[in-house]
Protein backbone atom coordinates (compact mmCIF):
# COMPACT_ATOMS: atom_id res chain seq x y z
CA MET A 1 36.31 -28.10 -133.37
CA ARG A 2 37.60 -29.74 -130.17
CA ALA A 3 39.36 -25.93 -129.83
CA LEU A 4 36.54 -24.30 -130.52
CA PHE A 5 35.11 -26.40 -127.37
CA GLU A 6 38.29 -25.68 -124.81
CA ARG A 7 37.78 -21.68 -126.24
CA LEU A 8 33.96 -21.76 -125.33
CA ARG A 9 34.15 -23.51 -122.24
CA SER A 10 36.71 -22.15 -120.80
CA ALA A 11 35.44 -18.01 -121.60
CA LEU A 12 32.19 -19.78 -118.99
CA ILE A 13 34.68 -20.42 -116.72
CA TRP A 14 35.94 -17.24 -116.57
CA ALA A 15 32.50 -15.78 -116.72
CA PHE A 16 31.06 -17.56 -113.63
CA ALA A 17 33.76 -17.82 -111.44
CA LEU A 18 35.82 -14.14 -111.51
CA PRO A 19 32.96 -13.11 -110.21
CA VAL A 20 33.27 -15.57 -107.31
CA PHE A 21 36.53 -14.97 -106.71
CA VAL A 22 35.57 -11.16 -106.32
CA ALA A 23 33.38 -12.45 -103.92
CA ALA A 24 35.56 -14.95 -101.87
CA CYS A 25 38.38 -12.21 -101.92
CA LEU A 26 36.14 -9.58 -100.22
CA ALA A 27 34.88 -12.14 -97.80
CA VAL A 28 38.69 -13.24 -97.00
CA SER A 29 39.21 -9.07 -96.57
CA LEU A 30 35.95 -8.44 -94.29
CA GLY A 31 36.05 -11.36 -92.81
CA SER A 32 39.88 -10.76 -91.45
CA PHE A 33 38.54 -7.50 -89.46
CA VAL A 34 36.84 -9.67 -86.73
CA LEU A 35 38.54 -13.91 -87.36
CA SER A 36 42.07 -14.49 -86.63
CA GLY A 37 43.76 -17.63 -85.82
CA PRO A 38 41.76 -20.90 -86.76
CA PRO A 39 38.12 -19.45 -88.06
CA LEU A 40 40.10 -17.45 -90.16
CA GLU A 41 42.23 -19.78 -91.93
CA ARG A 42 39.33 -22.37 -92.25
CA LEU A 43 37.95 -19.35 -93.91
CA VAL A 44 41.21 -18.79 -96.18
CA LYS A 45 40.45 -22.57 -97.30
CA ARG A 46 36.56 -22.67 -97.75
CA ALA A 47 37.40 -19.19 -99.68
CA CYS A 48 39.86 -21.07 -101.73
CA ARG A 49 38.10 -25.02 -102.31
CA LEU A 50 35.06 -22.46 -104.07
CA VAL A 51 36.78 -20.98 -106.52
CA LEU A 52 38.50 -23.71 -107.89
CA SER A 53 35.56 -25.72 -107.72
CA CYS A 54 33.77 -23.18 -109.69
CA CYS A 55 36.38 -24.41 -112.82
CA GLY A 56 36.00 -27.57 -112.16
CA ILE A 57 39.60 -28.50 -110.35
CA ARG A 58 39.53 -31.37 -108.39
CA LEU A 59 42.13 -31.96 -105.87
CA GLU A 60 42.87 -35.58 -105.08
CA LEU A 61 45.66 -35.35 -101.38
CA ALA A 62 47.94 -38.07 -100.55
CA GLY A 63 50.56 -38.06 -97.92
CA ALA A 64 48.77 -36.43 -95.31
CA ALA A 65 50.50 -38.65 -92.51
CA ASN A 66 53.38 -37.14 -93.26
CA LEU A 67 52.44 -33.94 -91.57
CA VAL A 68 52.42 -34.16 -87.02
CA PRO A 69 49.71 -31.85 -87.06
CA GLY A 70 50.27 -28.23 -85.14
CA ARG A 71 54.14 -28.77 -86.53
CA ALA A 72 55.58 -26.15 -88.29
CA TYR A 73 57.38 -26.62 -92.12
CA LEU A 74 59.36 -24.43 -94.52
CA VAL A 75 56.58 -25.96 -97.38
CA MET A 76 57.61 -25.95 -100.88
CA MET A 77 55.34 -26.89 -103.71
CA ASN A 78 56.14 -26.74 -107.36
CA HIS A 79 55.11 -23.75 -109.42
CA VAL A 80 52.58 -24.12 -112.65
CA ASN A 81 49.72 -21.55 -112.95
CA PHE A 82 47.63 -19.44 -111.37
CA PHE A 83 45.46 -21.48 -109.51
CA ASP A 84 48.83 -22.05 -107.84
CA PRO A 85 47.92 -19.94 -104.29
CA PHE A 86 44.28 -21.75 -104.04
CA VAL A 87 46.16 -24.98 -104.47
CA PHE A 88 48.27 -24.83 -101.80
CA TYR A 89 45.73 -23.25 -99.19
CA ALA A 90 42.78 -25.30 -100.11
CA GLY A 91 45.07 -28.69 -100.01
CA PHE A 92 47.97 -28.06 -97.42
CA PRO A 93 45.75 -29.91 -94.27
CA GLY A 94 47.61 -27.21 -91.83
CA PHE A 95 47.99 -23.86 -91.57
CA ALA A 96 50.13 -21.65 -93.44
CA ARG A 97 51.35 -18.52 -95.12
CA GLY A 98 53.90 -17.47 -97.88
CA VAL A 99 55.85 -14.55 -99.87
CA GLU A 100 53.66 -13.62 -103.26
CA GLU A 101 55.41 -11.83 -106.50
CA GLU A 102 55.33 -8.13 -105.18
CA SER A 103 52.72 -7.04 -107.85
CA HIS A 104 50.28 -9.09 -107.48
CA PHE A 105 49.88 -7.37 -104.12
CA ARG A 106 49.19 -4.11 -107.16
CA TRP A 107 46.00 -5.76 -108.28
CA PRO A 108 42.40 -5.28 -107.59
CA VAL A 109 40.87 -6.45 -104.90
CA TYR A 110 43.49 -9.61 -104.60
CA GLY A 111 45.81 -7.26 -104.01
CA PRO A 112 44.79 -5.64 -100.93
CA THR A 113 43.18 -9.22 -100.09
CA ILE A 114 46.41 -10.43 -99.93
CA ARG A 115 47.72 -8.17 -97.91
CA ARG A 116 45.38 -8.36 -94.97
CA LEU A 117 45.88 -12.14 -94.22
CA GLY A 118 50.06 -11.08 -93.79
CA LEU A 119 51.80 -12.58 -97.01
CA ILE A 120 55.19 -11.50 -97.88
CA PRO A 121 56.09 -9.05 -101.48
CA ILE A 122 58.63 -10.53 -102.85
CA SER A 123 61.10 -9.28 -105.56
CA ARG A 124 62.50 -11.61 -108.60
CA LYS A 125 64.31 -8.55 -110.01
CA ASP A 126 65.96 -7.41 -107.08
CA THR A 127 68.41 -10.13 -104.90
CA ALA A 128 68.92 -7.44 -102.63
CA ARG A 129 64.83 -6.50 -101.92
CA ALA A 130 64.24 -10.45 -102.06
CA ILE A 131 66.50 -11.07 -98.82
CA GLU A 132 65.49 -8.06 -97.50
CA SER A 133 61.22 -10.00 -97.93
CA LEU A 134 63.56 -13.53 -96.61
CA LYS A 135 64.20 -11.65 -93.32
CA ARG A 136 61.05 -10.48 -92.59
CA ALA A 137 59.72 -13.99 -93.82
CA ALA A 138 62.30 -15.48 -91.05
CA ALA A 139 61.04 -13.39 -88.50
CA TRP A 140 57.29 -13.93 -89.33
CA ILE A 141 57.87 -16.98 -88.68
CA ARG A 142 59.39 -16.57 -85.67
CA SER A 143 56.29 -14.84 -84.24
CA ARG A 144 54.20 -17.44 -85.22
CA PRO A 145 54.38 -20.97 -84.14
CA GLY A 146 52.41 -23.33 -85.55
CA PHE A 147 51.96 -21.91 -88.96
CA SER A 148 54.12 -23.66 -91.41
CA PHE A 149 55.70 -20.54 -94.27
CA VAL A 150 55.33 -21.53 -98.21
CA VAL A 151 57.93 -20.92 -100.64
CA LEU A 152 57.77 -21.93 -104.95
CA PRO A 153 61.29 -22.45 -105.19
CA GLU A 154 61.39 -22.48 -108.79
CA GLY A 155 60.33 -18.88 -108.35
CA THR A 156 58.52 -18.44 -111.76
CA ARG A 157 55.63 -20.45 -113.34
CA THR A 158 56.84 -23.37 -115.39
CA ARG A 159 56.23 -23.43 -118.96
CA ASP A 160 55.94 -26.85 -120.36
CA GLY A 161 54.90 -28.78 -117.16
CA ARG A 162 58.81 -29.69 -116.48
CA LEU A 163 60.32 -28.72 -112.76
CA GLY A 164 62.87 -25.52 -112.86
CA PRO A 165 66.08 -25.04 -111.20
CA PHE A 166 65.60 -24.29 -107.44
CA LYS A 167 66.56 -20.89 -105.54
CA ARG A 168 68.74 -20.43 -102.64
CA GLY A 169 66.52 -18.58 -100.90
CA GLY A 170 63.65 -20.70 -99.48
CA PHE A 171 66.28 -22.80 -98.57
CA LEU A 172 68.87 -20.81 -96.60
CA LEU A 173 64.91 -19.48 -94.69
CA ALA A 174 64.10 -22.78 -94.14
CA MET A 175 68.18 -23.24 -91.87
CA GLU A 176 67.78 -19.75 -90.62
CA ALA A 177 64.81 -20.59 -89.19
CA GLY A 178 65.66 -24.55 -87.86
CA LEU A 179 61.88 -25.71 -90.16
CA GLU A 180 62.11 -28.79 -91.86
CA ILE A 181 61.42 -28.74 -95.55
CA LEU A 182 58.50 -30.48 -96.58
CA PRO A 183 58.00 -30.64 -99.90
CA PHE A 184 54.29 -30.84 -101.47
CA VAL A 185 54.19 -31.77 -104.77
CA GLN A 186 50.98 -30.72 -107.18
CA MET A 187 50.57 -33.23 -110.92
CA GLY A 188 47.98 -32.88 -113.86
CA ALA A 189 48.05 -28.89 -112.51
CA GLU A 190 49.95 -27.99 -116.43
CA ARG A 191 46.54 -29.96 -118.08
CA ILE A 192 44.80 -27.39 -116.24
CA ASN A 193 46.33 -23.78 -116.95
CA ARG A 194 50.01 -22.89 -118.81
CA LYS A 195 51.52 -19.53 -118.60
CA GLY A 196 50.74 -17.03 -120.56
CA SER A 197 47.06 -18.94 -121.31
CA ARG A 198 44.52 -17.83 -120.26
CA LEU A 199 42.87 -20.88 -121.05
CA ILE A 200 41.50 -23.07 -118.28
CA ARG A 201 40.64 -26.45 -118.54
CA PRO A 202 38.57 -28.82 -115.79
CA GLY A 203 40.45 -31.19 -114.40
CA ARG A 204 41.85 -33.28 -111.58
CA VAL A 205 45.53 -31.97 -109.42
CA ARG A 206 47.10 -34.73 -107.69
CA ILE A 207 48.63 -34.07 -103.73
CA THR A 208 51.30 -35.63 -102.61
CA ILE A 209 52.68 -34.40 -99.43
CA GLU A 210 56.34 -36.13 -99.13
CA PRO A 211 57.83 -37.04 -95.91
CA ALA A 212 60.06 -34.14 -94.11
CA ILE A 213 63.30 -33.66 -94.82
CA PRO A 214 65.77 -31.88 -92.15
CA THR A 215 67.86 -29.01 -92.47
CA ALA A 216 70.50 -29.38 -89.61
CA GLY A 217 73.50 -30.04 -90.55
CA TYR A 218 73.64 -27.61 -93.57
CA THR A 219 75.98 -24.61 -94.00
CA LYS A 220 76.01 -21.89 -95.96
CA GLU A 221 78.71 -23.57 -97.73
CA SER A 222 77.10 -27.34 -98.14
CA VAL A 223 73.18 -25.59 -98.72
CA GLY A 224 72.99 -26.82 -102.72
CA GLY A 225 73.69 -30.21 -101.63
CA LEU A 226 70.60 -29.57 -99.99
CA VAL A 227 68.94 -28.39 -103.11
CA GLU A 228 69.30 -31.19 -104.82
CA ARG A 229 68.47 -33.71 -102.18
CA VAL A 230 65.01 -32.04 -102.50
CA ARG A 231 65.01 -31.46 -106.12
CA SER A 232 64.84 -35.26 -106.31
CA VAL A 233 62.02 -35.93 -104.75
CA PHE A 234 60.03 -33.69 -107.04
CA LEU A 235 61.55 -35.16 -109.61
CA ARG A 236 60.97 -39.20 -108.50
CA ARG A 237 57.45 -37.93 -107.87
CA LEU A 238 56.34 -36.51 -110.71
CA GLU A 239 58.12 -39.14 -112.45
CA ASN A 240 55.79 -41.57 -110.37
CA PRO A 241 53.13 -40.13 -110.18
CA GLN A 242 51.24 -43.44 -108.53
CA SER A 243 54.69 -44.39 -106.62
CA GLU A 244 54.24 -45.01 -102.87
């Protein structure tokens, strides 16, 4: 009976939230023609919050004091489900852009929207093209002071809620751009939706912004140490969600 209730509730959420999502994308796309800077970013954040609200997803943010207003970071967030972009842009206190799987740019409505916003397509299957995307990202970062850049270092969504291995690309990008890495750890999202399922369960996502980790002193040869240092921060927080 509970499973039936959850499926029916999820179907109702889809029926209500999908038109809202389409309208939000259109509003952001049209807004991008007349807005820029903080006004456009506020529109993006409001649109993401509206979509999450329609799905019954509540955000709780901790650790905002670890972010210095106006400073650019290479933000890293764990990859859980298809709500991750909305969770990030709704919850991140600053302004940011990032990379997105290149196939998403072919989706109706959503694809043109993220293209208008300047997100950078990246391939998970073609290493050479992925490297080119990261070079474009580095150039974008240099051209937009004050904007952070977000990377999901696992590269793919978790299937069981556990943290996956981190890819090195985002760390090399942070080193090249001279940015500190800001861990943006989300918890509870795996109970709302999981990879391979369209079932949506309303719930709360708790986000903790951990202290920034400097990249100075690391090289391509020693980047593995930086990867493990950042990943250990995620593991510690995910194992102890309420710790200070």
